[in-house]
Amino acid sequence: MMKQTILRNMTFLALCLVLSACAGTKDKTPQAPTARAQGEGSARPAPKTAVNYNVDAVNTVLEASGAIEQALAEADAGNPRGAIVELQEVVKRSPKAFLAHHNIGILHERLGETQNARAAYEQALRAEPNYSPALLNLVRLDIRDGSPSAALATANRYLQQNPSNFEHNYARLEALVANRQFDDAVGSIRTLLKSDEANPTLRYYLAKAEYARGRLRLADFIVSESLEIAPEDADALFLRAKIHHALSSDDISLVPGIATTLDEVLRLSPDHVEALWMRGIIFYEANNIDRAEAYFRRVIALSPKLVEGYINLANALKTNNRGQEAEQHLKRAAELSPKNGDVDFAFGTLYFNIELIELPGRQDMDRLKLAKTYFEAAASNWTDKADVALARRFIKTTDDAIETLQMMIDAESLFATPPPEDEETSLTVD
C-alpha cells in the first residue's frame, strides 16, 4: 500500500522555470519539485542533472492554480467526486494543466477506480512528459495490481522516451525492487550516484532494496545516510520505522522510537496512509483503543476501498463491545474482497465471542454456528500454512463451544421447573 499526497502549492512551478531542476520524489507523490508542498516536508537538494519542464505547460498550471486549489479544498471537505468534476473542468479549459490531470488520478485512485486513475496519469505525462511523479504513480498502479513486470515495462518505456530525465529513473528503481531484481536495482543506483553522489532519494531506494531482501542492519545504515542529507524526508523516516519494527523482535530498545518516528512522518505528511495504519496498530496493541479507532477511521477516509482498514476498525470496535458497528464495517470489507480469509476470520471472532461482544437479535447458538462457518471459509481462502492452522484451531474450539452450549441447553430443559397447571385442570373431583 502506497500513499499519495495531493500537491497544492503552485510556487514550485515558477521555481522550475528559474532553476530548471527538480528534487527527488518517492512515496510522497506528487511532491513539489524544488519547492515544499503545503503541509509537506522540506524539499531535498536538487540533483545535479536538471529536468526542463515545458514552459507552456507550466504557465498553464500557474494560470489554473486558483481553480485547482479550490477543487482540492473540495476534496479536503470530504467530497472527492466534486473535486474530480472541478478538476475535469480545469483540464477541459487547459488540457496542458498536468497538475490537474495528476490530482484527478490521485482522487480516482483513492476511490479505487484504478483505470480512471491510470488514464489521468497518462494524460498528465502527455501534457508534461518530464513530470516524474505521474510516472511513479503509474508504475505503482501496476505494482498494486500484482503486475510488477508490467510496472518495469512502463518505467522503461517512458525512460527510453525521456532518457535525460534523471527522476524518471526512480520509477524504474521502484519497479526493479517490486520485481525483486535487487542486484539490478543496486547496480543502477551505483551508476546514478556517480552523477549525483549526494542524492538522498537514491540512498532511499538502496535502503529499500536491502530491506526487501532482509538485510535489515544494512538497510538501517543506508537510510540513516539518506536522512542525514534530507532529515525531513517522510518516506525515508517511514522506511526507518518499518526497519526498526522488523528489528525490534530481537532488539526491544527500538520499540519506543518507532512511534516517535511515525509521529514525525505524520507531522511532515499528514495523509501518509501507511504511517496512519501502522500508528493505529501501535495504539491498538497498547490497548489505547479510542486512539486506534481514530487512526483507522482516517485510513478509511483516505482509502475507502482499503480492506485492511475496515478489518482493523472492526477489531477496535469489537474490543469496545460495539459489535453491530464492527459487523457493518466487516460487511463492507466483504463487499470489497468477497473471498478474503482475513475478513472471514474477523467475522468468525466477532460471532464467536458471545461473552464479550453483544449482538442484539442474534442467539448464542446461531452465533457460534455462524462463527464456525466463517472460520471454515478462512481456512479455505487462506494459503499460508500457519494461517490455515490457526483457522482450524478456531474451528475445533468453536465445535467444543457448540457442544458445551448444547449440553447446557439440554440440562436446562431437563431440570427446568414445569409451568404451573391451569387452575381448572388442577381441581379434583370428590
Protein backbone atom coordinates (compact mmCIF):
# COMPACT_ATOMS: atom_id res chain seq x y z
CA MET A 1 0.00 0.00 0.00
CA MET A 2 1.41 3.34 -1.03
CA LYS A 3 0.11 6.69 -0.01
CA GLN A 4 -0.29 9.70 -2.24
CA THR A 5 -0.35 13.34 -1.25
CA ILE A 6 -2.26 15.85 -3.32
CA LEU A 7 0.06 18.60 -4.46
CA ARG A 8 -1.27 22.01 -3.51
CA ASN A 9 1.43 24.68 -3.62
CA MET A 10 1.93 26.20 -7.07
CA THR A 11 5.08 28.17 -6.25
CA PHE A 12 7.30 25.31 -7.35
CA LEU A 13 6.32 25.86 -10.99
CA ALA A 14 7.83 29.30 -11.10
CA LEU A 15 10.95 27.95 -9.41
CA CYS A 16 11.17 25.23 -12.05
CA LEU A 17 11.35 27.91 -14.71
CA VAL A 18 14.09 29.72 -12.85
CA LEU A 19 16.13 26.73 -11.69
CA SER A 20 15.31 24.16 -14.40
CA ALA A 21 15.74 21.44 -11.79
CA CYS A 22 13.61 19.37 -9.50
CA ALA A 23 14.19 17.47 -6.31
CA GLY A 24 13.76 13.72 -5.96
CA THR A 25 10.37 12.18 -5.29
CA LYS A 26 9.33 8.82 -3.91
CA ASP A 27 6.36 7.64 -1.90
CA LYS A 28 5.07 11.11 -1.08
CA THR A 29 3.83 11.53 -4.62
CA PRO A 30 3.23 14.01 -6.00
CA GLN A 31 5.79 16.06 -4.12
CA ALA A 32 6.77 19.51 -5.31
CA PRO A 33 9.95 19.70 -7.40
CA THR A 34 12.43 22.05 -5.68
CA ALA A 35 9.81 23.77 -3.50
CA ARG A 36 7.96 22.45 -0.49
CA ALA A 37 4.36 21.43 -0.96
CA GLN A 38 1.93 22.87 1.55
CA GLY A 39 1.86 20.68 4.63
CA GLU A 40 4.76 18.56 3.44
CA GLY A 41 8.38 18.22 4.46
CA SER A 42 11.12 20.41 3.10
CA ALA A 43 12.50 19.64 -0.33
CA ARG A 44 15.56 17.54 -0.96
CA PRO A 45 18.62 19.13 -2.55
CA ALA A 46 18.19 19.37 -6.31
CA PRO A 47 20.06 16.70 -8.27
CA LYS A 48 22.89 17.83 -10.48
CA THR A 49 21.07 16.55 -13.56
CA ALA A 50 18.44 19.16 -14.39
CA VAL A 51 14.90 18.48 -15.60
CA ASN A 52 13.48 21.03 -18.01
CA TYR A 53 9.73 21.48 -17.88
CA ASN A 54 7.75 22.75 -20.84
CA VAL A 55 7.22 26.48 -20.33
CA ASP A 56 3.72 26.41 -21.87
CA ALA A 57 2.64 23.55 -19.60
CA VAL A 58 4.00 25.30 -16.51
CA ASN A 59 2.28 28.57 -17.43
CA THR A 60 -0.98 26.71 -17.98
CA VAL A 61 -0.82 25.23 -14.49
CA LEU A 62 0.04 28.61 -12.98
CA GLU A 63 -2.96 30.17 -14.68
CA ALA A 64 -5.22 27.38 -13.38
CA SER A 65 -3.76 27.35 -9.87
CA GLY A 66 -6.75 29.06 -8.24
CA ALA A 67 -9.23 26.59 -9.73
CA ILE A 68 -7.02 23.63 -8.78
CA GLU A 69 -6.73 24.87 -5.21
CA GLN A 70 -10.49 25.30 -4.99
CA ALA A 71 -11.05 21.74 -6.22
CA LEU A 72 -8.58 20.31 -3.71
CA ALA A 73 -10.34 22.19 -0.92
CA GLU A 74 -13.48 20.36 -2.03
CA ALA A 75 -11.61 17.06 -1.67
CA ASP A 76 -10.41 18.08 1.81
CA ALA A 77 -14.03 18.76 2.75
CA GLY A 78 -14.87 15.14 2.02
CA ASN A 79 -16.21 15.46 -1.50
CA PRO A 80 -13.69 13.76 -3.82
CA ARG A 81 -16.29 13.32 -6.54
CA GLY A 82 -16.98 17.03 -6.58
CA ALA A 83 -13.25 17.73 -6.66
CA ILE A 84 -12.82 15.45 -9.67
CA VAL A 85 -15.60 17.25 -11.52
CA GLU A 86 -13.99 20.63 -10.82
CA LEU A 87 -10.56 19.41 -11.93
CA GLN A 88 -12.07 17.95 -15.09
CA GLU A 89 -13.43 21.41 -15.88
CA VAL A 90 -9.89 22.76 -15.44
CA VAL A 91 -8.41 20.32 -17.96
CA LYS A 92 -11.22 20.97 -20.43
CA ARG A 93 -10.22 24.64 -20.42
CA SER A 94 -6.50 23.92 -20.10
CA PRO A 95 -5.55 20.47 -21.47
CA LYS A 96 -1.86 21.01 -20.60
CA ALA A 97 -2.59 21.55 -16.89
CA PHE A 98 -0.65 18.42 -15.94
CA LEU A 99 -1.01 19.04 -12.21
CA ALA A 100 -4.81 18.93 -12.55
CA HIS A 101 -4.61 15.65 -14.51
CA HIS A 102 -2.35 14.21 -11.85
CA ASN A 103 -4.62 15.12 -8.95
CA ILE A 104 -7.59 13.65 -10.83
CA GLY A 105 -5.59 10.43 -10.93
CA ILE A 106 -4.87 10.53 -7.21
CA LEU A 107 -8.53 11.10 -6.34
CA HIS A 108 -9.68 8.30 -8.62
CA GLU A 109 -7.10 6.01 -7.07
CA ARG A 110 -8.29 6.83 -3.57
CA LEU A 111 -11.78 5.83 -4.71
CA GLY A 112 -10.43 2.55 -6.02
CA GLU A 113 -11.03 3.49 -9.66
CA THR A 114 -7.68 2.37 -11.00
CA GLN A 115 -8.49 2.53 -14.70
CA ASN A 116 -9.61 6.14 -14.43
CA ALA A 117 -6.52 6.89 -12.35
CA ARG A 118 -4.28 5.32 -14.96
CA ALA A 119 -5.86 7.39 -17.73
CA ALA A 120 -5.37 10.59 -15.72
CA TYR A 121 -1.69 9.88 -15.01
CA GLU A 122 -1.13 9.16 -18.69
CA GLN A 123 -2.83 12.46 -19.57
CA ALA A 124 -0.51 14.24 -17.13
CA LEU A 125 2.51 12.71 -18.86
CA ARG A 126 1.18 13.65 -22.29
CA ALA A 127 0.79 17.22 -21.08
CA GLU A 128 4.25 17.22 -19.48
CA PRO A 129 6.42 14.19 -20.37
CA ASN A 130 9.00 15.16 -17.75
CA TYR A 131 6.58 15.13 -14.82
CA SER A 132 8.09 12.18 -12.97
CA PRO A 133 5.55 11.93 -10.10
CA ALA A 134 2.90 10.90 -12.64
CA LEU A 135 5.17 8.16 -13.98
CA LEU A 136 5.89 6.95 -10.46
CA ASN A 137 2.18 6.68 -9.65
CA LEU A 138 1.55 4.95 -12.97
CA VAL A 139 4.21 2.36 -12.14
CA ARG A 140 2.77 1.86 -8.67
CA LEU A 141 -0.63 1.10 -10.12
CA ASP A 142 0.87 -1.89 -11.91
CA ILE A 143 2.65 -2.96 -8.73
CA ARG A 144 -0.54 -2.76 -6.65
CA ASP A 145 -2.38 -4.70 -9.34
CA GLY A 146 0.12 -7.52 -8.87
CA SER A 147 1.94 -6.87 -12.16
CA PRO A 148 5.48 -5.75 -11.27
CA SER A 149 6.74 -6.86 -14.69
CA ALA A 150 4.23 -4.52 -16.33
CA ALA A 151 5.44 -1.78 -13.97
CA LEU A 152 9.01 -2.28 -15.14
CA ALA A 153 7.91 -2.21 -18.79
CA THR A 154 6.06 1.07 -18.15
CA ALA A 155 9.05 2.65 -16.43
CA ASN A 156 11.45 1.52 -19.17
CA ARG A 157 9.18 2.83 -21.92
CA TYR A 158 8.93 6.35 -20.50
CA LEU A 159 12.60 6.43 -19.56
CA GLN A 160 13.57 5.50 -23.11
CA GLN A 161 11.38 8.32 -24.40
CA ASN A 162 12.98 10.80 -21.99
CA PRO A 163 16.47 9.43 -21.25
CA SER A 164 17.77 12.77 -19.98
CA ASN A 165 15.17 12.92 -17.19
CA PHE A 166 17.10 11.83 -14.12
CA GLU A 167 13.98 11.46 -11.95
CA HIS A 168 12.32 9.00 -14.33
CA ASN A 169 14.92 6.55 -13.03
CA TYR A 170 13.12 6.50 -9.67
CA ALA A 171 10.10 4.82 -11.27
CA ARG A 172 12.39 2.17 -12.74
CA LEU A 173 14.04 1.58 -9.36
CA GLU A 174 10.60 1.22 -7.77
CA ALA A 175 9.73 -1.44 -10.35
CA LEU A 176 13.05 -3.27 -10.02
CA VAL A 177 12.59 -3.60 -6.25
CA ALA A 178 8.98 -4.77 -6.74
CA ASN A 179 10.26 -7.39 -9.20
CA ARG A 180 12.85 -8.44 -6.60
CA GLN A 181 15.61 -7.69 -9.10
CA PHE A 182 17.75 -6.38 -6.30
CA ASP A 183 21.13 -6.74 -7.97
CA ASP A 184 19.92 -4.77 -10.99
CA ALA A 185 18.46 -2.09 -8.70
CA VAL A 186 21.68 -1.75 -6.70
CA GLY A 187 23.78 -1.66 -9.88
CA SER A 188 21.59 1.10 -11.35
CA ILE A 189 21.75 3.10 -8.13
CA ARG A 190 25.54 2.93 -8.03
CA THR A 191 25.71 4.15 -11.63
CA LEU A 192 23.30 7.01 -10.93
CA LEU A 193 25.18 8.04 -7.79
CA LYS A 194 28.18 8.80 -9.98
CA SER A 195 26.11 11.63 -11.49
CA ASP A 196 24.69 12.80 -8.15
CA GLU A 197 26.66 11.41 -5.24
CA ALA A 198 24.66 13.33 -2.59
CA ASN A 199 21.22 12.23 -3.81
CA PRO A 200 19.14 11.09 -0.79
CA THR A 201 16.44 9.51 -2.96
CA LEU A 202 18.91 7.06 -4.48
CA ARG A 203 20.05 6.12 -0.98
CA TYR A 204 16.40 5.63 -0.04
CA TYR A 205 15.92 3.15 -2.87
CA LEU A 206 19.16 1.41 -1.96
CA ALA A 207 17.89 1.02 1.61
CA LYS A 208 14.51 -0.13 0.31
CA ALA A 209 16.16 -2.84 -1.79
CA GLU A 210 18.23 -4.08 1.14
CA TYR A 211 15.16 -4.05 3.41
CA ALA A 212 13.19 -6.07 0.85
CA ARG A 213 15.83 -8.77 0.76
CA GLY A 214 16.11 -8.92 4.52
CA ARG A 215 19.41 -7.12 5.10
CA LEU A 216 17.91 -5.06 7.88
CA ARG A 217 21.02 -3.70 9.57
CA LEU A 218 22.50 -2.62 6.25
CA ALA A 219 19.18 -1.04 5.25
CA ASP A 220 19.10 0.87 8.55
CA PHE A 221 22.62 2.21 7.98
CA ILE A 222 21.82 3.35 4.43
CA VAL A 223 18.50 5.01 5.29
CA SER A 224 20.32 6.87 8.08
CA GLU A 225 22.69 8.25 5.44
CA SER A 226 19.69 9.38 3.40
CA LEU A 227 18.20 11.14 6.43
CA GLU A 228 21.47 12.92 7.17
CA ILE A 229 21.12 14.59 3.77
CA ALA A 230 17.33 15.09 3.92
CA PRO A 231 16.26 14.83 7.60
CA GLU A 232 12.63 15.71 6.86
CA ASP A 233 12.07 13.09 4.19
CA ALA A 234 8.82 11.47 5.33
CA ASP A 235 9.31 8.37 3.23
CA ALA A 236 12.82 7.68 4.46
CA LEU A 237 11.57 8.16 8.01
CA PHE A 238 8.74 5.70 7.37
CA LEU A 239 11.19 3.17 5.95
CA ARG A 240 13.27 3.57 9.10
CA ALA A 241 10.15 2.86 11.19
CA LYS A 242 9.48 -0.33 9.20
CA ILE A 243 13.10 -1.44 9.51
CA HIS A 244 13.11 -0.83 13.26
CA HIS A 245 9.81 -2.67 13.61
CA ALA A 246 11.35 -5.68 11.86
CA LEU A 247 14.46 -5.46 14.06
CA SER A 248 12.53 -4.95 17.30
CA SER A 249 11.80 -8.65 17.74
CA ASP A 250 15.49 -9.04 18.59
CA ASP A 251 16.13 -5.54 19.93
CA ILE A 252 13.28 -4.24 22.10
CA SER A 253 15.17 -0.98 22.73
CA LEU A 254 13.99 0.12 19.27
CA VAL A 255 10.29 -0.14 20.15
CA PRO A 256 9.74 3.30 21.79
CA GLY A 257 11.36 5.09 18.86
CA ILE A 258 9.05 3.55 16.26
CA ALA A 259 6.01 5.50 17.45
CA THR A 260 8.07 8.69 17.66
CA THR A 261 9.30 8.21 14.10
CA LEU A 262 5.77 7.59 12.83
CA ASP A 263 4.56 10.75 14.56
CA GLU A 264 7.29 12.67 12.74
CA VAL A 265 6.23 11.12 9.42
CA LEU A 266 2.65 12.24 10.04
CA ARG A 267 3.78 15.73 11.02
CA LEU A 268 5.51 16.02 7.66
CA SER A 269 2.90 14.12 5.65
CA PRO A 270 -0.47 14.00 7.47
CA ASP A 271 -2.13 11.83 4.80
CA HIS A 272 0.53 9.10 4.79
CA VAL A 273 -1.84 6.12 4.81
CA GLU A 274 0.76 3.51 5.70
CA ALA A 275 2.03 5.55 8.64
CA LEU A 276 -1.53 6.17 9.87
CA TRP A 277 -2.26 2.45 9.63
CA MET A 278 0.92 1.47 11.47
CA ARG A 279 0.37 4.11 14.18
CA GLY A 280 -3.16 2.82 14.69
CA ILE A 281 -1.81 -0.70 15.15
CA ILE A 282 0.61 0.53 17.81
CA PHE A 283 -2.19 2.27 19.71
CA TYR A 284 -4.32 -0.88 19.42
CA GLU A 285 -1.56 -3.11 20.78
CA ALA A 286 -1.09 -0.64 23.65
CA ASN A 287 -4.82 -1.03 24.41
CA ASN A 288 -5.48 2.61 23.55
CA ILE A 289 -8.50 1.58 21.53
CA ASP A 290 -10.06 5.03 21.11
CA ARG A 291 -6.89 6.44 19.55
CA ALA A 292 -6.54 3.35 17.36
CA GLU A 293 -10.12 3.77 16.15
CA ALA A 294 -9.46 7.40 15.19
CA TYR A 295 -6.43 6.41 13.11
CA PHE A 296 -8.23 3.57 11.36
CA ARG A 297 -11.15 5.87 10.52
CA ARG A 298 -8.68 8.30 8.97
CA VAL A 299 -7.18 5.49 6.91
CA ILE A 300 -10.62 4.59 5.57
CA ALA A 301 -11.42 8.21 4.82
CA LEU A 302 -8.26 8.47 2.70
CA SER A 303 -8.55 4.99 1.16
CA PRO A 304 -12.22 3.99 1.17
CA LYS A 305 -11.52 0.74 -0.66
CA LEU A 306 -8.71 -0.46 1.59
CA VAL A 307 -9.99 -3.74 3.03
CA GLU A 308 -7.42 -3.85 5.83
CA GLY A 309 -8.68 -0.51 7.10
CA TYR A 310 -12.17 -1.87 7.67
CA ILE A 311 -10.85 -5.03 9.34
CA ASN A 312 -8.70 -3.04 11.76
CA LEU A 313 -11.52 -0.62 12.55
CA ALA A 314 -13.87 -3.55 13.17
CA ASN A 315 -11.35 -5.15 15.53
CA ALA A 316 -11.07 -1.91 17.50
CA LEU A 317 -14.85 -1.63 17.72
CA LYS A 318 -15.15 -5.27 18.84
CA THR A 319 -12.72 -4.57 21.67
CA ASN A 320 -15.04 -1.78 22.86
CA ASN A 321 -18.11 -4.08 22.62
CA ARG A 322 -19.55 -2.24 19.64
CA GLY A 323 -20.39 -5.38 17.79
CA GLN A 324 -23.08 -4.07 15.46
CA GLU A 325 -20.80 -1.30 14.15
CA ALA A 326 -18.00 -3.81 13.70
CA GLU A 327 -20.33 -6.10 11.78
CA GLN A 328 -21.26 -3.32 9.36
CA HIS A 329 -17.61 -2.49 8.62
CA LEU A 330 -16.81 -6.16 8.04
CA LYS A 331 -19.73 -6.39 5.63
CA ARG A 332 -18.19 -3.51 3.70
CA ALA A 333 -14.83 -5.29 3.70
CA ALA A 334 -16.52 -8.43 2.36
CA GLU A 335 -18.14 -6.41 -0.43
CA LEU A 336 -14.73 -5.11 -1.44
CA SER A 337 -13.00 -8.50 -1.17
CA PRO A 338 -15.50 -11.40 -1.25
CA LYS A 339 -13.06 -14.29 -0.72
CA ASN A 340 -10.68 -12.85 1.81
CA GLY A 341 -9.51 -15.08 4.65
CA ASP A 342 -8.71 -12.09 6.86
CA VAL A 343 -12.27 -10.80 6.54
CA ASP A 344 -13.67 -14.29 7.18
CA PHE A 345 -11.56 -14.71 10.31
CA ALA A 346 -12.58 -11.28 11.64
CA PHE A 347 -16.25 -12.24 11.15
CA GLY A 348 -15.57 -15.52 12.94
CA THR A 349 -14.08 -13.89 16.02
CA LEU A 350 -16.92 -11.36 16.11
CA TYR A 351 -19.57 -14.08 16.26
CA PHE A 352 -17.53 -16.43 18.46
CA ASN A 353 -17.05 -14.04 21.39
CA ILE A 354 -20.57 -14.39 22.77
CA GLU A 355 -19.49 -13.44 26.30
CA LEU A 356 -17.61 -10.27 25.34
CA ILE A 357 -19.38 -8.81 22.32
CA GLU A 358 -23.09 -8.12 22.28
CA LEU A 359 -25.05 -8.55 19.06
CA PRO A 360 -28.73 -7.89 19.75
CA GLY A 361 -31.06 -10.12 17.77
CA ARG A 362 -28.57 -12.99 17.39
CA GLN A 363 -28.86 -16.06 19.62
CA ASP A 364 -25.70 -17.56 21.10
CA MET A 365 -26.03 -20.90 19.32
CA ASP A 366 -26.69 -19.18 15.99
CA ARG A 367 -23.61 -17.02 16.51
CA LEU A 368 -21.37 -19.99 17.25
CA LYS A 369 -22.57 -21.88 14.20
CA LEU A 370 -22.03 -18.77 12.08
CA ALA A 371 -18.54 -18.35 13.58
CA LYS A 372 -17.67 -21.91 12.58
CA THR A 373 -18.85 -21.24 9.02
CA TYR A 374 -16.59 -18.19 8.78
CA PHE A 375 -13.58 -19.98 10.29
CA GLU A 376 -14.07 -22.72 7.70
CA ALA A 377 -14.18 -20.06 4.98
CA ALA A 378 -10.97 -18.53 6.32
CA ALA A 379 -9.26 -21.94 6.23
CA SER A 380 -10.42 -22.33 2.64
CA ASN A 381 -9.40 -18.85 1.46
CA TRP A 382 -6.07 -18.61 3.27
CA THR A 383 -2.99 -20.14 1.63
CA ASP A 384 -0.35 -19.65 4.31
CA LYS A 385 0.06 -22.87 6.32
CA ALA A 386 0.27 -21.05 9.66
CA ASP A 387 -2.93 -19.12 8.89
CA VAL A 388 -4.77 -22.28 7.88
CA ALA A 389 -3.62 -24.00 11.08
CA LEU A 390 -4.91 -21.04 13.11
CA ALA A 391 -8.31 -21.24 11.43
CA ARG A 392 -8.53 -24.97 12.10
CA ARG A 393 -7.73 -24.47 15.78
CA PHE A 394 -10.60 -22.00 15.98
CA ILE A 395 -12.89 -24.44 14.19
CA LYS A 396 -12.06 -27.05 16.87
CA THR A 397 -12.57 -24.50 19.66
CA THR A 398 -15.89 -23.45 18.17
CA ASP A 399 -17.03 -27.09 17.90
CA ASP A 400 -16.23 -27.51 21.59
CA ALA A 401 -18.15 -24.34 22.44
CA ILE A 402 -21.16 -25.50 20.44
CA GLU A 403 -21.11 -28.89 22.20
CA THR A 404 -20.81 -27.25 25.64
CA LEU A 405 -23.62 -24.81 24.93
CA GLN A 406 -25.85 -27.59 23.65
CA MET A 407 -25.23 -29.58 26.84
CA MET A 408 -26.20 -26.53 28.90
CA ILE A 409 -29.36 -26.05 26.85
CA ASP A 410 -30.26 -29.73 27.26
CA ALA A 411 -29.60 -29.60 31.01
CA GLU A 412 -31.76 -26.53 31.45
CA SER A 413 -34.55 -28.24 29.54
CA LEU A 414 -34.26 -31.42 31.62
CA PHE A 415 -34.22 -29.79 35.03
CA ALA A 416 -36.45 -26.83 34.32
CA THR A 417 -39.39 -26.36 36.72
CA PRO A 418 -42.63 -27.21 34.90
CA PRO A 419 -45.06 -24.35 34.49
CA PRO A 420 -47.99 -24.25 36.95
CA GLU A 421 -51.04 -26.16 35.78
CA ASP A 422 -54.11 -24.31 34.66
CA GLU A 423 -56.46 -23.56 37.55
CA GLU A 424 -59.36 -25.51 36.04
CA THR A 425 -57.36 -28.65 35.31
CA SER A 426 -55.92 -28.65 38.83
CA LEU A 427 -59.32 -29.08 40.50
CA THR A 428 -60.01 -32.52 41.95
CA VAL A 429 -63.47 -34.23 41.88
CA ASP A 430 -64.76 -35.96 45.01
